[in-house]
Amino acid sequence: MKKHFKTIFTIVAVVLLACTSFFYGCEASSAEEQIYIVSIQQTDTDGLQDIYTITYSDGTMDTFTITNGADGQDGKDGTDGQDGSDVTISDIYEQYKELSENENLTFEEFLSEYLTISDSMTALAIQKNLFSVMKIYTEFVVSQTYSSRPGQNYTVSDTTLCSGSAVIYDMDIAEDGYTYIVTNYHVVYLSEADASSNGGTKIARKIYGYLYGSEATPATSVDANNTVIKDSDGYTVYDYGNYAIELEYVGGSVASDIAVLRVETSQILALNPNATEVSIADSYHVGETAVAIGNPEALGISVTQGIVSVESDYISLNIDGTTRSYRSIRIDTPLYSGNSGGGLFNAEGELIGITNAGDSSDENINYAVPVEIVCGTADNIIYYFEKGDESFCAYKITLGITVQTQNSKYVYNSQTGYGEICEEVVIDSVSDGSIAQAMGLQAGDILSAIVVNGSEYTISRSFNISDLILTLRSGDDLQCVVNRDGSDVSSNTYTLTRSDFTAIA
């Protein structure tokens, strides 16, 4: 939450410093007449109300008042040791309506008119994001059977290339460190691949990545006579060029549509010493900027922009022959073939998802894997890989409950300027012999929180449970907080063991 408050402070500062004659409607007619804000300072307080003074470049001043909570403390940040109150974007909006005598001004109109500076902020963030993205090529062997005449068939096997995108997820800059890279599972998996000729798997037999600014396109290798070169198995050999970085498959989860790759960090830094891992957002909201960086149509890394349309949507995808439901962020950001596996970023350049799907009938409806699933799955895969697990997948527990939801509603937080849907998660049934039964959970309990090793995680949506389960490890102490018959009850504590975990498809 502290990080989120800092975001609000940044926005307020931009509003105050960037808007010409902020409380006068930003209507300066020329550069010579332009009046700007020099400073904004808290100049008085009585504990319940704080008075701020704004000083303009022409020497004039203005004041506005922020009312705190009943104890005089509710508005205080508490993160910097100062006694001043936090000023939110909502405070500025309300004060502006009063001073401008325009009570009909909507919050959306206010943001549209006075936060145009956000375009510049987004552009700057994108410049930094370009150090954290890659375009990907995956190589498979595909076999096709043809009929030369009735009853006579022959099979041709050869190399097939697919393209996608990825982000640099975690960099260990130690001398012998590795960098982990995240993409979609369907970028490195091809259902049409001939497993018997593709190394016994449908996962790409070769994976190459290119950094932004050091890009190339694979080409068939030819000899001095311009004849296509074949390998010992008779498959076409491709030349990926000097900028190509060969990547190792670490693991993946088709159920999350997330895969993890890795390479020695030194190989990345040799091409660009400024390459860096992505920054991770702690939340995302409807209406926020959603910037996709990927490799559309295999034409090279490029950028498209839109907004978050729906925080949590569900789509059906068939990646490996089985149709599954995937929780997704719906966006109106344009996506194209090849964008899969690329980063979806907010206006501050923080990762909010991995783009993975689109509605072919409507270019304004596209999807991304939410950041909590991205990080939960990627961290899970990396954890087991580094422990020597050879399953190359993620693991999770089965809690042993079914749930239903009730009292779902939209809740707006005036301090953050954002709202979210909240619902009560009710336990519908508890399986015999399950972890939930050992914890003492009962049908009818309203699950309000899960406590992991003493840290409490609020359950306000049913999917919070599955997201949290991705982060659990053997040895973790697990406890639930439920409302039972009107009273809050803490369950028994259950310590997870390795046998509680099973591989995720």
Protein backbone atom coordinates (compact mmCIF):
# COMPACT_ATOMS: atom_id res chain seq x y z
CA MET A 1 0.00 0.00 0.00
CA LYS A 2 2.88 2.38 0.68
CA LYS A 3 4.01 2.01 -2.89
CA HIS A 4 0.53 2.85 -4.11
CA PHE A 5 0.46 6.01 -2.04
CA LYS A 6 3.74 7.08 -3.58
CA THR A 7 2.11 6.74 -6.96
CA ILE A 8 -0.60 9.17 -5.90
CA PHE A 9 1.99 11.67 -4.65
CA THR A 10 3.74 11.58 -8.01
CA ILE A 11 0.51 12.25 -9.87
CA VAL A 12 -0.37 15.17 -7.62
CA ALA A 13 3.07 16.68 -8.09
CA VAL A 14 2.70 16.44 -11.85
CA VAL A 15 -0.71 18.09 -11.73
CA LEU A 16 0.57 20.97 -9.65
CA LEU A 17 3.86 21.54 -11.44
CA ALA A 18 2.83 20.89 -15.01
CA CYS A 19 -0.52 22.63 -15.36
CA THR A 20 -0.18 26.26 -16.26
CA SER A 21 -2.28 28.41 -13.92
CA PHE A 22 -3.73 25.26 -12.46
CA PHE A 23 -6.48 26.96 -10.46
CA TYR A 24 -7.15 29.34 -13.30
CA GLY A 25 -7.97 26.76 -15.90
CA CYS A 26 -4.62 26.52 -17.77
CA GLU A 27 -5.62 29.20 -20.25
CA ALA A 28 -2.45 31.30 -20.63
CA SER A 29 -2.48 32.83 -24.12
CA SER A 30 1.27 32.98 -24.73
CA ALA A 31 4.63 31.96 -23.32
CA GLU A 32 5.25 35.49 -22.03
CA GLU A 33 1.94 35.48 -20.14
CA GLN A 34 2.27 31.92 -18.85
CA ILE A 35 1.87 31.63 -15.11
CA TYR A 36 3.11 28.49 -13.39
CA ILE A 37 3.24 27.11 -9.90
CA VAL A 38 6.51 27.73 -8.06
CA SER A 39 5.73 25.81 -4.89
CA ILE A 40 3.04 24.19 -2.79
CA GLN A 41 3.57 23.98 0.96
CA GLN A 42 1.59 23.16 4.08
CA THR A 43 1.53 26.45 5.97
CA ASP A 44 -0.87 25.80 8.84
CA THR A 45 -2.77 23.02 10.62
CA ASP A 46 -5.00 22.55 13.62
CA GLY A 47 -4.82 18.76 13.47
CA LEU A 48 -8.19 18.36 11.82
CA GLN A 49 -7.56 20.69 8.90
CA ASP A 50 -4.36 21.41 6.98
CA ILE A 51 -3.90 24.62 4.99
CA TYR A 52 -1.72 24.55 1.86
CA THR A 53 -0.38 27.68 0.16
CA ILE A 54 0.34 27.74 -3.57
CA THR A 55 2.81 30.34 -4.84
CA TYR A 56 2.65 31.31 -8.53
CA SER A 57 5.39 32.69 -10.77
CA ASP A 58 3.78 36.15 -10.85
CA GLY A 59 4.04 36.42 -7.05
CA THR A 60 0.38 35.78 -6.30
CA MET A 61 -0.67 33.10 -3.85
CA ASP A 62 -3.68 30.89 -3.24
CA THR A 63 -4.68 28.51 -0.45
CA PHE A 64 -6.78 25.41 -0.07
CA THR A 65 -7.77 23.30 2.91
CA ILE A 66 -7.64 19.51 3.36
CA THR A 67 -9.74 17.97 6.12
CA ASN A 68 -8.29 14.98 7.97
CA GLY A 69 -10.09 12.24 9.86
CA ALA A 70 -11.69 12.68 13.25
CA ASP A 71 -8.42 12.04 15.07
CA GLY A 72 -6.39 14.27 12.79
CA GLN A 73 -4.34 11.30 11.64
CA ASP A 74 -6.22 9.64 8.80
CA GLY A 75 -4.59 11.66 6.06
CA LYS A 76 -1.04 11.22 7.28
CA ASP A 77 1.40 9.17 5.29
CA GLY A 78 3.60 7.89 8.07
CA THR A 79 6.26 6.83 5.57
CA ASP A 80 8.58 9.83 5.76
CA GLY A 81 8.42 10.79 9.42
CA GLN A 82 6.72 14.09 8.61
CA ASP A 83 3.54 15.43 10.14
CA GLY A 84 2.03 16.71 6.91
CA SER A 85 -1.09 15.13 5.43
CA ASP A 86 -1.27 13.33 2.12
CA VAL A 87 -2.91 15.25 -0.70
CA THR A 88 -4.69 12.94 -3.13
CA ILE A 89 -5.85 13.59 -6.67
CA SER A 90 -9.43 13.57 -5.36
CA ASP A 91 -8.59 16.45 -3.00
CA ILE A 92 -7.24 18.50 -5.89
CA TYR A 93 -10.33 17.69 -7.96
CA GLU A 94 -12.78 18.77 -5.24
CA GLN A 95 -10.84 21.95 -4.49
CA TYR A 96 -10.66 22.88 -8.15
CA LYS A 97 -14.44 22.50 -8.58
CA GLU A 98 -14.95 24.88 -5.67
CA LEU A 99 -12.45 27.50 -6.83
CA SER A 100 -13.56 27.36 -10.46
CA GLU A 101 -17.24 27.44 -9.44
CA ASN A 102 -17.83 24.47 -11.76
CA GLU A 103 -19.57 21.88 -9.63
CA ASN A 104 -20.71 20.01 -12.75
CA LEU A 105 -17.15 19.16 -13.80
CA THR A 106 -16.84 15.37 -13.75
CA PHE A 107 -13.74 13.61 -12.46
CA GLU A 108 -13.16 12.17 -15.94
CA GLU A 109 -13.29 15.65 -17.51
CA PHE A 110 -10.90 16.91 -14.86
CA LEU A 111 -8.39 14.13 -15.59
CA SER A 112 -8.74 14.52 -19.34
CA GLU A 113 -8.13 18.28 -19.21
CA TYR A 114 -5.41 18.49 -16.60
CA LEU A 115 -3.43 15.26 -16.82
CA THR A 116 -2.26 15.51 -20.42
CA ILE A 117 1.27 15.41 -19.03
CA SER A 118 0.73 11.65 -18.53
CA ASP A 119 1.43 11.12 -22.24
CA SER A 120 4.96 12.38 -21.71
CA MET A 121 5.36 10.28 -18.59
CA THR A 122 4.26 7.18 -20.48
CA ALA A 123 6.65 7.91 -23.33
CA LEU A 124 9.57 8.19 -20.89
CA ALA A 125 8.57 4.95 -19.20
CA ILE A 126 8.41 3.17 -22.56
CA GLN A 127 11.96 4.25 -23.36
CA LYS A 128 13.18 2.43 -20.24
CA ASN A 129 10.96 -0.59 -20.91
CA LEU A 130 12.74 -1.13 -24.21
CA PHE A 131 15.76 -2.33 -22.20
CA SER A 132 13.61 -5.14 -20.75
CA VAL A 133 11.93 -6.70 -23.79
CA MET A 134 12.87 -9.30 -26.39
CA LYS A 135 11.56 -10.77 -29.59
CA ILE A 136 11.59 -14.55 -29.73
CA TYR A 137 11.95 -17.21 -32.41
CA THR A 138 11.11 -20.84 -31.64
CA GLU A 139 12.13 -23.77 -33.82
CA PHE A 140 10.17 -27.02 -34.17
CA VAL A 141 10.18 -30.09 -36.42
CA VAL A 142 6.79 -30.59 -38.07
CA SER A 143 5.89 -33.64 -40.15
CA GLN A 144 3.25 -33.69 -42.86
CA THR A 145 1.90 -36.73 -44.67
CA TYR A 146 1.08 -36.56 -48.36
CA SER A 147 -0.54 -39.02 -50.77
CA SER A 148 1.19 -39.52 -54.13
CA ARG A 149 -1.44 -41.94 -55.38
CA PRO A 150 -4.22 -43.99 -53.77
CA GLY A 151 -2.77 -46.21 -51.07
CA GLN A 152 0.71 -44.66 -51.27
CA ASN A 153 1.62 -42.05 -48.64
CA TYR A 154 4.87 -40.36 -47.77
CA THR A 155 5.85 -38.06 -44.90
CA VAL A 156 7.98 -34.91 -45.09
CA SER A 157 9.54 -33.52 -41.92
CA ASP A 158 11.26 -30.16 -41.74
CA THR A 159 11.98 -27.19 -39.53
CA THR A 160 9.21 -24.71 -38.75
CA LEU A 161 9.83 -21.30 -37.15
CA CYS A 162 7.38 -19.41 -34.95
CA SER A 163 7.76 -15.92 -33.51
CA GLY A 164 6.72 -14.25 -30.30
CA SER A 165 7.80 -11.85 -27.59
CA ALA A 166 9.20 -11.94 -24.05
CA VAL A 167 10.33 -9.82 -21.09
CA ILE A 168 13.48 -9.94 -19.00
CA TYR A 169 12.04 -11.02 -15.67
CA ASP A 170 14.94 -11.50 -13.27
CA MET A 171 18.65 -10.71 -13.72
CA ASP A 172 21.47 -11.99 -11.55
CA ILE A 173 24.37 -9.70 -12.42
CA ALA A 174 26.95 -11.83 -10.57
CA GLU A 175 29.83 -13.00 -12.74
CA ASP A 176 28.29 -16.44 -13.25
CA GLY A 177 24.67 -15.33 -12.83
CA TYR A 178 21.70 -16.18 -15.01
CA THR A 179 18.87 -14.08 -16.38
CA TYR A 180 15.34 -15.50 -16.41
CA ILE A 181 13.02 -14.51 -19.23
CA VAL A 182 9.23 -14.89 -19.28
CA THR A 183 6.99 -15.53 -22.28
CA ASN A 184 3.78 -17.42 -23.02
CA TYR A 185 3.72 -21.20 -22.92
CA HIS A 186 2.07 -21.25 -26.34
CA VAL A 187 5.08 -19.37 -27.76
CA VAL A 188 7.43 -22.26 -26.94
CA TYR A 189 4.89 -25.08 -27.46
CA LEU A 190 3.46 -26.15 -30.81
CA SER A 191 0.70 -28.75 -30.90
CA GLU A 192 1.55 -29.55 -34.55
CA ALA A 193 5.16 -30.42 -33.69
CA ASP A 194 6.29 -33.99 -34.32
CA ALA A 195 7.46 -34.97 -30.85
CA SER A 196 9.31 -38.03 -32.12
CA SER A 197 11.44 -35.85 -34.39
CA ASN A 198 11.50 -32.82 -32.10
CA GLY A 199 13.53 -34.29 -29.25
CA GLY A 200 10.65 -36.23 -27.73
CA THR A 201 8.60 -33.15 -26.89
CA LYS A 202 6.39 -30.48 -28.45
CA ILE A 203 8.44 -27.78 -26.73
CA ALA A 204 10.68 -25.86 -29.15
CA ARG A 205 13.98 -27.63 -29.79
CA LYS A 206 15.71 -24.26 -30.19
CA ILE A 207 14.75 -20.85 -28.81
CA TYR A 208 16.48 -17.60 -29.70
CA GLY A 209 15.90 -14.07 -28.42
CA TYR A 210 16.85 -10.61 -29.63
CA LEU A 211 17.14 -7.42 -27.58
CA TYR A 212 15.56 -4.20 -28.81
CA GLY A 213 18.06 -2.34 -30.98
CA SER A 214 19.99 -5.56 -31.67
CA GLU A 215 17.41 -7.37 -33.76
CA ALA A 216 17.74 -9.67 -36.72
CA THR A 217 15.60 -12.10 -38.70
CA PRO A 218 16.58 -15.77 -39.11
CA ALA A 219 17.39 -16.92 -42.62
CA THR A 220 17.96 -20.35 -44.11
CA SER A 221 21.64 -21.28 -44.17
CA VAL A 222 23.11 -21.89 -47.63
CA ASP A 223 26.44 -23.18 -48.84
CA ALA A 224 28.77 -21.74 -51.47
CA ASN A 225 26.52 -23.08 -54.21
CA ASN A 226 23.50 -21.35 -52.64
CA THR A 227 22.06 -24.71 -51.65
CA VAL A 228 20.03 -24.86 -48.44
CA ILE A 229 22.02 -26.59 -45.71
CA LYS A 230 20.40 -29.53 -43.90
CA ASP A 231 21.43 -31.02 -40.58
CA SER A 232 22.25 -34.70 -40.02
CA ASP A 233 18.52 -35.50 -39.76
CA GLY A 234 17.73 -33.73 -43.01
CA TYR A 235 16.09 -30.68 -41.44
CA THR A 236 16.65 -27.13 -42.71
CA VAL A 237 19.29 -25.20 -40.77
CA TYR A 238 18.63 -21.54 -39.95
CA ASP A 239 21.18 -18.80 -39.39
CA TYR A 240 20.05 -16.58 -36.52
CA GLY A 241 22.81 -14.00 -36.88
CA ASN A 242 25.31 -12.44 -34.49
CA TYR A 243 22.68 -10.71 -32.33
CA ALA A 244 20.81 -13.90 -31.49
CA ILE A 245 20.86 -15.13 -27.87
CA GLU A 246 20.18 -18.85 -27.51
CA LEU A 247 17.80 -19.44 -24.62
CA GLU A 248 17.34 -22.49 -22.43
CA TYR A 249 13.85 -23.75 -21.59
CA VAL A 250 13.44 -23.74 -17.79
CA GLY A 251 9.80 -24.78 -17.48
CA GLY A 252 6.24 -23.79 -18.15
CA SER A 253 2.58 -24.14 -17.27
CA VAL A 254 -0.03 -24.53 -19.98
CA ALA A 255 -2.68 -23.86 -17.31
CA SER A 256 -1.24 -20.36 -16.78
CA ASP A 257 0.11 -19.92 -20.33
CA ILE A 258 3.46 -18.90 -18.86
CA ALA A 259 6.92 -20.25 -19.70
CA VAL A 260 10.34 -19.39 -18.30
CA LEU A 261 13.63 -19.32 -20.24
CA ARG A 262 17.13 -18.48 -19.13
CA VAL A 263 20.59 -17.49 -20.36
CA GLU A 264 23.85 -16.42 -18.76
CA THR A 265 23.51 -12.73 -17.88
CA SER A 266 26.91 -12.01 -19.40
CA GLN A 267 25.54 -12.91 -22.85
CA ILE A 268 22.82 -10.29 -22.55
CA LEU A 269 25.09 -7.58 -21.16
CA ALA A 270 27.63 -8.24 -23.90
CA LEU A 271 25.04 -7.04 -26.41
CA ASN A 272 23.64 -4.23 -24.28
CA PRO A 273 25.12 -3.41 -20.86
CA ASN A 274 22.00 -1.36 -20.07
CA ALA A 275 19.60 -4.29 -20.40
CA THR A 276 17.58 -4.69 -17.22
CA GLU A 277 14.74 -6.63 -15.66
CA VAL A 278 11.18 -5.31 -15.64
CA SER A 279 9.65 -3.48 -12.70
CA ILE A 280 6.57 -5.21 -11.30
CA ALA A 281 3.33 -3.34 -10.55
CA ASP A 282 1.56 -4.07 -7.27
CA SER A 283 -1.88 -3.48 -8.80
CA TYR A 284 -3.78 -2.41 -11.90
CA HIS A 285 -7.19 -0.81 -12.40
CA VAL A 286 -9.87 -0.27 -15.01
CA GLY A 287 -9.10 2.81 -17.08
CA GLU A 288 -5.36 2.76 -16.48
CA THR A 289 -2.94 2.99 -19.38
CA ALA A 290 -1.99 -0.39 -20.88
CA VAL A 291 1.09 -0.31 -23.13
CA ALA A 292 2.02 -3.49 -25.03
CA ILE A 293 5.58 -4.02 -26.27
CA GLY A 294 6.08 -7.00 -28.53
CA ASN A 295 6.95 -8.40 -31.92
CA PRO A 296 3.76 -8.12 -34.02
CA GLU A 297 3.77 -10.10 -37.25
CA ALA A 298 7.48 -10.85 -36.60
CA LEU A 299 8.29 -7.35 -37.89
CA GLY A 300 10.33 -6.35 -34.84
CA ILE A 301 9.72 -4.90 -31.42
CA SER A 302 7.09 -2.15 -31.43
CA VAL A 303 4.69 -0.40 -29.08
CA THR A 304 0.90 -0.06 -28.95
CA GLN A 305 -1.20 1.69 -26.30
CA GLY A 306 -4.68 1.43 -24.82
CA ILE A 307 -6.32 1.04 -21.44
CA VAL A 308 -7.38 -1.70 -19.06
CA SER A 309 -10.99 -2.45 -20.02
CA VAL A 310 -11.80 -5.21 -17.52
CA GLU A 311 -9.63 -6.11 -14.52
CA SER A 312 -10.60 -9.77 -14.44
CA ASP A 313 -12.19 -11.54 -17.38
CA TYR A 314 -12.31 -15.19 -18.42
CA ILE A 315 -11.49 -16.56 -21.86
CA SER A 316 -11.22 -20.05 -23.32
CA LEU A 317 -8.00 -21.14 -25.05
CA ASN A 318 -6.94 -24.44 -26.57
CA ILE A 319 -3.15 -24.60 -26.51
CA ASP A 320 -2.41 -28.31 -26.31
CA GLY A 321 -5.65 -29.98 -27.41
CA THR A 322 -7.50 -29.26 -24.18
CA THR A 323 -9.77 -26.23 -23.84
CA ARG A 324 -9.19 -24.37 -20.58
CA SER A 325 -10.57 -21.24 -18.94
CA TYR A 326 -8.01 -18.50 -18.31
CA ARG A 327 -8.40 -15.50 -16.03
CA SER A 328 -7.22 -12.49 -18.00
CA ILE A 329 -6.96 -8.72 -18.10
CA ARG A 330 -9.10 -7.39 -20.95
CA ILE A 331 -7.53 -4.45 -22.78
CA ASP A 332 -8.28 -2.37 -25.86
CA THR A 333 -4.57 -2.14 -26.67
CA PRO A 334 -4.01 -3.35 -30.26
CA LEU A 335 -2.35 -6.78 -30.41
CA TYR A 336 -1.31 -8.87 -33.37
CA SER A 337 0.17 -12.28 -34.08
CA GLY A 338 3.66 -12.23 -32.56
CA ASN A 339 2.68 -10.03 -29.60
CA SER A 340 2.19 -13.16 -27.51
CA GLY A 341 4.60 -13.30 -24.59
CA GLY A 342 5.27 -9.57 -24.61
CA GLY A 343 4.97 -7.19 -21.69
CA LEU A 344 1.90 -5.15 -20.82
CA PHE A 345 2.92 -2.05 -18.85
CA ASN A 346 1.18 0.76 -16.99
CA ALA A 347 1.95 4.46 -17.49
CA GLU A 348 4.83 4.24 -15.02
CA GLY A 349 6.47 1.44 -16.96
CA GLU A 350 5.59 -1.30 -14.47
CA LEU A 351 4.62 -4.75 -15.71
CA ILE A 352 0.92 -5.52 -15.24
CA GLY A 353 0.67 -8.58 -17.48
CA ILE A 354 1.91 -10.71 -20.37
CA THR A 355 -0.11 -10.29 -23.58
CA ASN A 356 -1.40 -13.59 -24.89
CA ALA A 357 -4.70 -13.49 -26.81
CA GLY A 358 -7.11 -11.44 -28.88
CA ASP A 359 -10.60 -11.49 -30.28
CA SER A 360 -10.16 -12.02 -34.01
CA SER A 361 -13.57 -10.45 -34.67
CA ASP A 362 -12.84 -7.24 -32.75
CA GLU A 363 -9.41 -5.60 -32.65
CA ASN A 364 -10.36 -3.61 -29.55
CA ILE A 365 -10.82 -6.70 -27.37
CA ASN A 366 -7.51 -8.30 -26.40
CA TYR A 367 -6.13 -10.06 -23.35
CA ALA A 368 -3.13 -10.48 -21.07
CA VAL A 369 -2.15 -12.87 -18.29
CA PRO A 370 -2.48 -10.82 -15.03
CA VAL A 371 0.79 -9.94 -13.31
CA GLU A 372 -0.06 -11.91 -10.16
CA ILE A 373 -0.38 -15.08 -12.24
CA VAL A 374 2.75 -14.21 -14.21
CA CYS A 375 4.87 -13.72 -11.10
CA GLY A 376 3.27 -16.55 -9.13
CA THR A 377 3.89 -19.05 -11.94
CA ALA A 378 7.34 -17.78 -12.96
CA ASP A 379 8.67 -17.66 -9.39
CA ASN A 380 7.23 -21.12 -8.77
CA ILE A 381 8.92 -22.62 -11.85
CA ILE A 382 12.25 -20.95 -11.05
CA TYR A 383 12.11 -22.14 -7.43
CA TYR A 384 11.75 -25.80 -8.34
CA PHE A 385 14.19 -25.57 -11.27
CA GLU A 386 16.90 -24.20 -8.98
CA LYS A 387 16.23 -27.05 -6.57
CA GLY A 388 17.02 -29.53 -9.31
CA ASP A 389 13.48 -30.61 -10.14
CA GLU A 390 13.41 -32.10 -13.63
CA SER A 391 9.68 -31.80 -14.23
CA PHE A 392 10.16 -28.29 -15.67
CA CYS A 393 6.82 -27.11 -14.32
CA ALA A 394 5.09 -25.31 -11.46
CA TYR A 395 3.59 -26.99 -8.38
CA LYS A 396 0.59 -26.18 -6.23
CA ILE A 397 -1.43 -27.56 -3.33
CA THR A 398 -5.07 -28.57 -3.42
CA LEU A 399 -6.77 -26.81 -0.53
CA GLY A 400 -9.81 -29.06 -0.72
CA ILE A 401 -12.67 -26.57 -0.83
CA THR A 402 -15.26 -25.43 -3.32
CA VAL A 403 -16.50 -21.87 -3.00
CA GLN A 404 -19.27 -19.60 -4.17
CA THR A 405 -19.51 -15.83 -3.98
CA GLN A 406 -22.14 -13.46 -2.67
CA ASN A 407 -22.70 -9.73 -2.06
CA SER A 408 -20.47 -8.72 -4.97
CA LYS A 409 -20.21 -4.95 -5.38
CA TYR A 410 -18.01 -2.16 -6.67
CA VAL A 411 -16.14 -0.24 -3.96
CA TYR A 412 -14.47 3.13 -4.62
CA ASN A 413 -11.49 4.35 -2.61
CA SER A 414 -11.37 8.15 -2.66
CA GLN A 415 -7.84 8.17 -1.24
CA THR A 416 -6.32 6.20 -4.10
CA GLY A 417 -8.75 7.40 -6.76
CA TYR A 418 -9.46 3.83 -7.80
CA GLY A 419 -12.18 1.32 -7.15
CA GLU A 420 -12.47 -2.45 -7.26
CA ILE A 421 -15.04 -5.20 -7.16
CA CYS A 422 -15.29 -6.95 -3.81
CA GLU A 423 -17.26 -10.05 -2.91
CA GLU A 424 -17.73 -12.47 -0.05
CA VAL A 425 -16.14 -15.87 -0.69
CA VAL A 426 -18.23 -18.58 0.94
CA ILE A 427 -16.98 -22.15 1.42
CA ASP A 428 -19.51 -24.43 -0.24
CA SER A 429 -17.94 -27.78 0.62
CA VAL A 430 -14.84 -29.28 2.28
CA SER A 431 -13.26 -32.49 0.95
CA ASP A 432 -12.59 -35.37 3.31
CA GLY A 433 -8.93 -35.81 4.14
CA SER A 434 -8.03 -32.42 2.67
CA ILE A 435 -5.84 -29.62 3.99
CA ALA A 436 -8.99 -27.56 4.56
CA GLN A 437 -10.49 -30.29 6.72
CA ALA A 438 -7.29 -30.53 8.77
CA MET A 439 -7.49 -26.76 9.29
CA GLY A 440 -11.05 -27.11 10.60
CA LEU A 441 -12.80 -25.18 7.83
CA GLN A 442 -16.52 -25.75 7.43
CA ALA A 443 -19.16 -25.33 4.76
CA GLY A 444 -20.81 -21.94 5.21
CA ASP A 445 -17.64 -20.20 6.44
CA ILE A 446 -16.97 -16.84 4.78
CA LEU A 447 -13.25 -16.83 3.95
CA SER A 448 -11.88 -13.35 4.64
CA ALA A 449 -8.12 -13.93 4.78
CA ILE A 450 -5.36 -16.49 4.44
CA VAL A 451 -2.34 -16.18 6.71
CA VAL A 452 0.99 -17.47 5.39
CA ASN A 453 3.90 -17.54 7.84
CA GLY A 454 2.25 -14.79 9.85
CA SER A 455 1.46 -12.48 6.91
CA GLU A 456 -2.23 -11.95 6.26
CA TYR A 457 -3.61 -11.82 2.70
CA THR A 458 -7.13 -10.49 2.27
CA ILE A 459 -9.53 -12.62 0.22
CA SER A 460 -11.92 -10.21 -1.51
CA ARG A 461 -12.30 -12.16 -4.77
CA SER A 462 -12.47 -15.93 -5.25
CA PHE A 463 -9.44 -15.89 -7.55
CA ASN A 464 -7.29 -14.47 -4.74
CA ILE A 465 -7.11 -18.04 -3.42
CA SER A 466 -5.63 -19.60 -6.57
CA ASP A 467 -3.26 -16.65 -7.04
CA LEU A 468 -1.93 -17.07 -3.50
CA ILE A 469 -1.61 -20.85 -3.84
CA LEU A 470 0.98 -20.32 -6.60
CA THR A 471 3.26 -18.62 -4.05
CA LEU A 472 3.15 -21.39 -1.40
CA ARG A 473 6.12 -23.64 -0.70
CA SER A 474 6.87 -26.69 1.40
CA GLY A 475 7.37 -25.69 5.04
CA ASP A 476 4.96 -22.75 4.91
CA ASP A 477 2.54 -22.38 7.82
CA LEU A 478 -1.00 -21.89 6.55
CA GLN A 479 -4.00 -20.56 8.43
CA CYS A 480 -7.39 -19.18 7.38
CA VAL A 481 -9.51 -16.43 8.91
CA VAL A 482 -13.24 -16.98 8.41
CA ASN A 483 -16.48 -15.44 9.53
CA ARG A 484 -18.58 -18.19 11.10
CA ASP A 485 -22.03 -17.42 12.45
CA GLY A 486 -21.19 -13.71 12.63
CA SER A 487 -17.88 -14.08 14.45
CA ASP A 488 -14.32 -14.04 13.11
CA VAL A 489 -12.59 -17.36 13.67
CA SER A 490 -8.99 -18.39 13.00
CA SER A 491 -8.52 -21.93 11.73
CA ASN A 492 -5.96 -24.46 12.84
CA THR A 493 -2.46 -23.90 11.46
CA TYR A 494 -1.33 -26.39 8.84
CA THR A 495 2.34 -26.80 7.86
CA LEU A 496 2.73 -27.71 4.21
CA THR A 497 4.93 -30.64 3.21
CA ARG A 498 6.35 -31.61 -0.17
CA SER A 499 3.75 -34.35 -0.50
CA ASP A 500 0.98 -31.72 -0.47
CA PHE A 501 2.17 -30.35 -3.83
CA THR A 502 1.34 -31.66 -7.27
CA ALA A 503 2.56 -30.55 -10.70
CA ILE A 504 0.45 -28.04 -12.61
CA ALA A 505 -0.30 -29.05 -16.17
